[in-house]
Amino acid sequence: MNFRIFPTSGSFHRGMALPLTLLAGLSLTSGCHQTLSDNVVAKVGTREITKESLQSAIKDMNLPSSAPASVPSDVLNRLIDNTLITEEAEQEGLPNRPDIRKKLEDARNRILRQALIKTQVDDKVKVTDADVQGYFDKHRQEIKQPGYVEVRQLIIPDQKTADRIVSSLRKKKGFSRAIEKFKGGPVGKIFEGTVPPQFAKFFFGVPAGSVTGPIALKDGIHYFKIDKQVPGKLLSFDQAKAGITQFLTSRMKQDLYQKYLNSLRAKTKIEINQKSLGELMGAASSVKK
C-alpha cells in the first residue's frame, strides 16, 4: 500500500521535494546529540520538540492501524520543517509587523475565550438520565421521526399558459407530459418542518397522487405532484435518547453562557461612543443603498 505523509503537489516549491528517506537522514542525523533530555526528540535552533508534541501531531492525523513504522520519523521531520520556518519568521522580525501582530493577538484572544468558556460553561453542564427521561415524558407526542413526501415539480412560464393546461395536469400522465413540454422534474424528499408554513400546505396533509399549486415565483408558475407520502412515527425512548441528550446539552450550555456573560457585563464598566457608532451605522446604511 502506498502511504504518504507529505502532499505530492501544491505544498512544496519545485526543486524542494527530496525523497522522504533522505529528508529523514538529513534531519535526524544532524540532531542526534546526547545532551537532549529523554522528553525531547529534537532541538531546532533554540526550540525543542517534545515527545508529547510529536505524539499529539501523530494523534491528530487519525492514521489507520496499518500505518508504517516510519510514521513518527516522518511526522518529526514535518515538525522540524515547521519549526525551521517559524524560527526564520522570528529572525525576519515578522511578529513585529502590525498586521501579523494583530493576527497573533486575535488568535490569542480566541484561544483564551475558548478556554474560559470550556471551564466556566461546557465543563459545568451535565445532562443526567433523569433530565432526558423527564423531557421525553413531557414531549412524548412531539418526539418523532418526521414524515416526508416525494415530489415532482412543474414550472410553467406564465399564468396564461398555466390557466390553459391546469386541468390536464390531474389526468393520467398529464403531469409527466407537461414536464417534458415545459420545465421541471423530481424535487426529492421534502421532510416535515423543513419548509415555510405558507408552503407546507402544498406538500403535507394531501394524499399521494395529488397535484398542488400554484405558487407564483420569479421563474414561473409552480405546480407539484405528490408521488409518495410517508407519515412520521413516534420514537421510543432508546431511539430518542441521544438526540434529546444533545439538545438538552446545547440548551443548557446556551443558558449558562448567557448567565455568565450577563454577570460579566454587570460587574464591568462598559462605555460606548455613540457618536462614532452612529457614524459607522450611517456609513453602512449608505453603502446598502
Protein backbone atom coordinates (compact mmCIF):
# COMPACT_ATOMS: atom_id res chain seq x y z
CA MET A 1 0.00 0.00 0.00
CA ASN A 2 1.34 3.42 -0.87
CA PHE A 3 1.40 5.71 2.15
CA ARG A 4 2.31 9.36 2.11
CA ILE A 5 2.71 11.80 4.96
CA PHE A 6 3.56 14.75 2.77
CA PRO A 7 1.43 16.14 -0.09
CA THR A 8 2.60 15.13 -3.53
CA SER A 9 1.83 18.54 -5.03
CA GLY A 10 0.81 22.05 -4.16
CA SER A 11 2.57 22.37 -0.80
CA PHE A 12 6.24 22.34 -1.88
CA HIS A 13 8.12 24.54 -4.30
CA ARG A 14 9.61 22.76 -7.27
CA GLY A 15 13.12 21.61 -6.61
CA MET A 16 12.49 21.26 -2.87
CA ALA A 17 10.89 17.80 -2.82
CA LEU A 18 13.59 15.41 -1.57
CA PRO A 19 12.97 11.70 -1.08
CA LEU A 20 11.48 11.04 2.33
CA THR A 21 14.31 8.72 3.37
CA LEU A 22 16.88 11.40 2.51
CA LEU A 23 14.93 14.01 4.49
CA ALA A 24 14.86 11.72 7.48
CA GLY A 25 18.58 11.07 7.24
CA LEU A 26 19.48 14.74 6.92
CA SER A 27 17.23 15.98 9.71
CA LEU A 28 17.63 13.24 12.26
CA THR A 29 21.36 12.64 11.99
CA SER A 30 22.05 16.36 12.32
CA GLY A 31 20.11 16.47 15.60
CA CYS A 32 21.38 13.34 17.34
CA HIS A 33 23.11 14.70 20.45
CA GLN A 34 23.19 13.03 23.83
CA THR A 35 22.62 16.40 25.51
CA LEU A 36 18.87 16.22 24.82
CA SER A 37 16.66 15.16 27.71
CA ASP A 38 14.57 11.99 27.46
CA ASN A 39 11.40 14.02 26.84
CA VAL A 40 12.91 15.89 23.88
CA VAL A 41 13.04 14.18 20.49
CA ALA A 42 14.68 17.04 18.59
CA LYS A 43 16.06 20.52 19.05
CA VAL A 44 15.87 23.03 16.21
CA GLY A 45 17.94 26.08 16.98
CA THR A 46 16.71 27.11 20.41
CA ARG A 47 13.35 25.34 20.13
CA GLU A 48 12.69 21.86 21.46
CA ILE A 49 10.26 19.33 20.03
CA THR A 50 8.99 17.13 22.84
CA LYS A 51 7.66 13.60 22.78
CA GLU A 52 4.29 14.98 23.81
CA SER A 53 4.08 17.37 20.84
CA LEU A 54 5.16 14.61 18.44
CA GLN A 55 2.60 12.18 19.85
CA SER A 56 -0.08 14.87 19.64
CA ALA A 57 0.76 15.57 15.98
CA ILE A 58 0.54 11.86 15.15
CA LYS A 59 -2.76 11.51 17.01
CA ASP A 60 -4.27 14.47 15.14
CA MET A 61 -3.66 12.66 11.83
CA ASN A 62 -6.08 9.82 12.73
CA LEU A 63 -3.90 7.27 10.95
CA PRO A 64 -5.05 3.68 10.39
CA SER A 65 -3.51 0.88 12.43
CA SER A 66 -1.79 -0.30 9.24
CA ALA A 67 0.31 2.88 9.02
CA PRO A 68 4.04 2.13 8.56
CA ALA A 69 6.51 2.17 11.45
CA SER A 70 8.27 5.17 9.89
CA VAL A 71 5.36 7.50 10.74
CA PRO A 72 6.96 9.02 13.89
CA SER A 73 10.13 9.81 11.94
CA ASP A 74 8.16 11.26 9.04
CA VAL A 75 5.99 13.41 11.28
CA LEU A 76 9.03 14.58 13.24
CA ASN A 77 10.57 15.82 10.01
CA ARG A 78 7.42 17.78 9.29
CA LEU A 79 7.60 19.35 12.76
CA ILE A 80 11.26 20.17 12.19
CA ASP A 81 10.40 21.87 8.90
CA ASN A 82 7.61 23.84 10.56
CA THR A 83 9.93 24.87 13.39
CA LEU A 84 12.62 25.97 10.94
CA ILE A 85 10.12 28.19 9.14
CA THR A 86 8.82 29.61 12.43
CA GLU A 87 12.38 30.33 13.61
CA GLU A 88 13.15 32.08 10.33
CA ALA A 89 9.97 34.16 10.61
CA GLU A 90 11.10 35.25 14.07
CA GLN A 91 14.55 36.14 12.72
CA GLU A 92 12.94 38.17 9.93
CA GLY A 93 11.04 40.19 12.53
CA LEU A 94 7.61 39.21 11.19
CA PRO A 95 5.98 39.22 14.66
CA ASN A 96 6.69 42.96 14.80
CA ARG A 97 4.69 43.73 11.66
CA PRO A 98 1.41 45.45 12.61
CA ASP A 99 -0.75 43.08 10.53
CA ILE A 100 0.96 39.98 11.95
CA ARG A 101 0.79 41.38 15.46
CA LYS A 102 -2.96 41.88 15.02
CA LYS A 103 -3.46 38.29 13.83
CA LEU A 104 -1.41 36.91 16.72
CA GLU A 105 -3.45 38.95 19.19
CA ASP A 106 -6.71 37.76 17.60
CA ALA A 107 -5.55 34.13 17.83
CA ARG A 108 -4.51 34.60 21.47
CA ASN A 109 -7.87 36.15 22.37
CA ARG A 110 -9.78 33.38 20.59
CA ILE A 111 -7.86 30.68 22.46
CA LEU A 112 -8.44 32.44 25.79
CA ARG A 113 -12.17 32.79 25.10
CA GLN A 114 -12.50 29.14 24.17
CA ALA A 115 -10.59 28.04 27.28
CA LEU A 116 -12.69 30.23 29.58
CA ILE A 117 -15.99 29.09 28.08
CA LYS A 118 -14.89 25.48 28.45
CA THR A 119 -14.13 25.87 32.16
CA GLN A 120 -17.00 28.22 33.06
CA VAL A 121 -19.71 26.74 30.83
CA ASP A 122 -19.03 23.48 28.98
CA ASP A 123 -17.43 21.59 31.86
CA LYS A 124 -20.25 22.57 34.22
CA VAL A 125 -23.08 21.22 32.10
CA LYS A 126 -24.10 17.67 32.94
CA VAL A 127 -27.26 16.16 31.47
CA THR A 128 -28.49 13.26 33.59
CA ASP A 129 -30.61 10.28 32.58
CA ALA A 130 -33.38 11.79 34.71
CA ASP A 131 -33.20 15.00 32.66
CA VAL A 132 -33.53 13.03 29.44
CA GLN A 133 -36.37 10.87 30.76
CA GLY A 134 -38.24 13.91 32.07
CA TYR A 135 -38.01 15.69 28.73
CA PHE A 136 -39.12 12.57 26.87
CA ASP A 137 -42.15 12.08 29.13
CA LYS A 138 -43.19 15.71 28.75
CA HIS A 139 -42.78 15.87 24.98
CA ARG A 140 -43.53 12.27 24.04
CA GLN A 141 -46.05 13.19 21.31
CA GLU A 142 -43.66 15.67 19.72
CA ILE A 143 -40.63 13.40 19.57
CA LYS A 144 -40.92 11.59 16.28
CA GLN A 145 -39.20 10.79 13.07
CA PRO A 146 -40.61 13.35 10.65
CA GLY A 147 -42.72 12.24 7.75
CA TYR A 148 -41.82 13.14 4.20
CA VAL A 149 -43.17 13.33 0.70
CA GLU A 150 -41.51 12.62 -2.62
CA VAL A 151 -42.38 15.36 -5.07
CA ARG A 152 -42.03 16.39 -8.68
CA GLN A 153 -42.43 19.98 -9.71
CA LEU A 154 -43.61 21.62 -12.90
CA ILE A 155 -42.63 25.17 -13.83
CA ILE A 156 -44.88 26.91 -16.33
CA PRO A 157 -43.57 30.18 -17.79
CA ASP A 158 -46.65 32.37 -17.29
CA GLN A 159 -50.12 32.46 -15.72
CA LYS A 160 -51.96 32.42 -19.04
CA THR A 161 -50.33 29.14 -20.05
CA ALA A 162 -50.91 27.71 -16.57
CA ASP A 163 -54.63 28.51 -16.73
CA ARG A 164 -54.85 26.78 -20.10
CA ILE A 165 -53.24 23.47 -19.10
CA VAL A 166 -54.00 23.15 -15.38
CA SER A 167 -56.97 20.82 -15.89
CA SER A 168 -54.80 18.37 -17.84
CA LEU A 169 -52.25 18.05 -15.03
CA ARG A 170 -54.54 15.79 -13.00
CA LYS A 171 -55.19 13.41 -15.88
CA LYS A 172 -53.19 10.21 -16.33
CA LYS A 173 -49.62 11.07 -17.39
CA GLY A 174 -50.71 14.70 -17.77
CA PHE A 175 -48.17 15.98 -15.26
CA SER A 176 -45.32 13.98 -16.81
CA ARG A 177 -46.14 15.24 -20.30
CA ALA A 178 -46.24 18.82 -19.05
CA ILE A 179 -42.78 18.42 -17.50
CA GLU A 180 -41.46 17.17 -20.84
CA LYS A 181 -43.00 20.15 -22.62
CA PHE A 182 -42.07 22.85 -20.13
CA LYS A 183 -39.61 22.56 -17.24
CA GLY A 184 -39.40 20.57 -14.02
CA GLY A 185 -38.63 17.17 -12.58
CA PRO A 186 -38.06 15.37 -9.27
CA VAL A 187 -37.52 17.53 -6.22
CA GLY A 188 -36.71 14.57 -3.98
CA LYS A 189 -37.79 14.08 -0.40
CA ILE A 190 -39.30 17.01 1.49
CA PHE A 191 -39.44 16.44 5.24
CA GLU A 192 -41.99 17.86 7.64
CA GLY A 193 -40.81 21.02 9.31
CA THR A 194 -38.30 21.95 6.60
CA VAL A 195 -40.44 24.30 4.51
CA PRO A 196 -42.07 27.62 5.50
CA PRO A 197 -45.65 27.28 6.80
CA GLN A 198 -47.12 29.11 3.81
CA PHE A 199 -45.71 26.41 1.51
CA ALA A 200 -46.21 23.35 3.76
CA LYS A 201 -49.88 23.10 2.77
CA PHE A 202 -48.84 22.22 -0.78
CA PHE A 203 -46.90 19.13 0.41
CA PHE A 204 -48.41 17.83 3.65
CA GLY A 205 -51.94 16.84 4.55
CA VAL A 206 -52.75 15.92 0.96
CA PRO A 207 -52.94 12.33 -0.36
CA ALA A 208 -50.34 10.77 -2.61
CA GLY A 209 -51.13 11.37 -6.27
CA SER A 210 -52.39 14.91 -5.65
CA VAL A 211 -51.39 17.85 -7.83
CA THR A 212 -50.97 21.01 -5.77
CA GLY A 213 -50.27 24.64 -6.54
CA PRO A 214 -49.96 27.12 -7.97
CA ILE A 215 -47.09 29.05 -6.40
CA ALA A 216 -46.03 32.07 -8.42
CA LEU A 217 -42.28 32.65 -8.24
CA LYS A 218 -39.82 34.66 -10.29
CA ASP A 219 -39.05 31.81 -12.66
CA GLY A 220 -42.68 30.92 -13.35
CA ILE A 221 -45.81 29.24 -12.01
CA HIS A 222 -45.04 26.13 -9.94
CA TYR A 223 -47.22 23.03 -9.57
CA PHE A 224 -46.34 19.90 -7.62
CA LYS A 225 -47.17 16.20 -7.90
CA ILE A 226 -47.07 14.24 -4.63
CA ASP A 227 -45.71 10.88 -5.76
CA LYS A 228 -45.24 9.33 -2.33
CA GLN A 229 -46.25 10.17 1.21
CA VAL A 230 -44.59 8.62 4.27
CA PRO A 231 -46.11 9.60 7.64
CA GLY A 232 -43.97 10.43 10.65
CA LYS A 233 -43.72 8.00 13.54
CA LEU A 234 -43.16 8.40 17.26
CA LEU A 235 -39.74 7.41 18.57
CA SER A 236 -39.10 5.15 21.54
CA PHE A 237 -37.04 6.42 24.46
CA ASP A 238 -33.99 4.46 23.32
CA GLN A 239 -34.32 5.86 19.80
CA ALA A 240 -34.67 9.42 21.07
CA LYS A 241 -32.18 9.38 23.96
CA ALA A 242 -29.08 10.51 22.06
CA GLY A 243 -30.91 13.33 20.29
CA ILE A 244 -32.55 14.56 23.50
CA THR A 245 -29.22 14.48 25.33
CA GLN A 246 -27.59 16.55 22.59
CA PHE A 247 -30.48 19.02 22.56
CA LEU A 248 -30.55 19.46 26.34
CA THR A 249 -26.77 19.82 26.50
CA SER A 250 -26.82 22.55 23.85
CA ARG A 251 -29.71 24.36 25.53
CA MET A 252 -28.15 24.20 28.99
CA LYS A 253 -24.82 25.45 27.67
CA GLN A 254 -26.51 28.37 25.94
CA ASP A 255 -28.45 29.29 29.09
CA LEU A 256 -25.37 29.07 31.31
CA TYR A 257 -23.28 31.01 28.78
CA GLN A 258 -25.83 33.83 28.71
CA LYS A 259 -25.99 33.96 32.52
CA TYR A 260 -22.21 34.04 32.74
CA LEU A 261 -22.00 36.77 30.10
CA ASN A 262 -24.64 38.81 31.94
CA SER A 263 -22.62 38.52 35.15
CA LEU A 264 -19.52 39.83 33.39
CA ARG A 265 -21.46 42.76 31.97
CA ALA A 266 -22.93 43.51 35.40
CA LYS A 267 -19.53 43.84 37.09
CA THR A 268 -17.68 45.60 34.26
CA LYS A 269 -17.96 49.24 33.26
CA ILE A 270 -18.71 49.46 29.54
CA GLU A 271 -18.63 52.75 27.66
CA ILE A 272 -19.86 53.15 24.09
CA ASN A 273 -19.04 56.13 21.92
CA GLN A 274 -22.47 56.68 20.41
CA LYS A 275 -21.17 59.34 18.05
CA SER A 276 -18.59 57.05 16.47
CA LEU A 277 -21.06 54.17 16.41
CA GLY A 278 -23.66 56.38 14.73
CA GLU A 279 -21.16 57.44 12.07
CA LEU A 280 -20.34 53.81 11.29
CA MET A 281 -24.01 52.85 11.17
CA GLY A 282 -24.72 55.76 8.84
CA ALA A 283 -21.87 54.75 6.57
CA ALA A 284 -23.14 51.16 6.49
CA SER A 285 -26.65 52.33 5.60
CA SER A 286 -25.39 54.45 2.72
CA VAL A 287 -23.41 51.53 1.31
CA LYS A 288 -26.54 49.32 1.29
CA LYS A 289 -28.46 51.96 -0.66
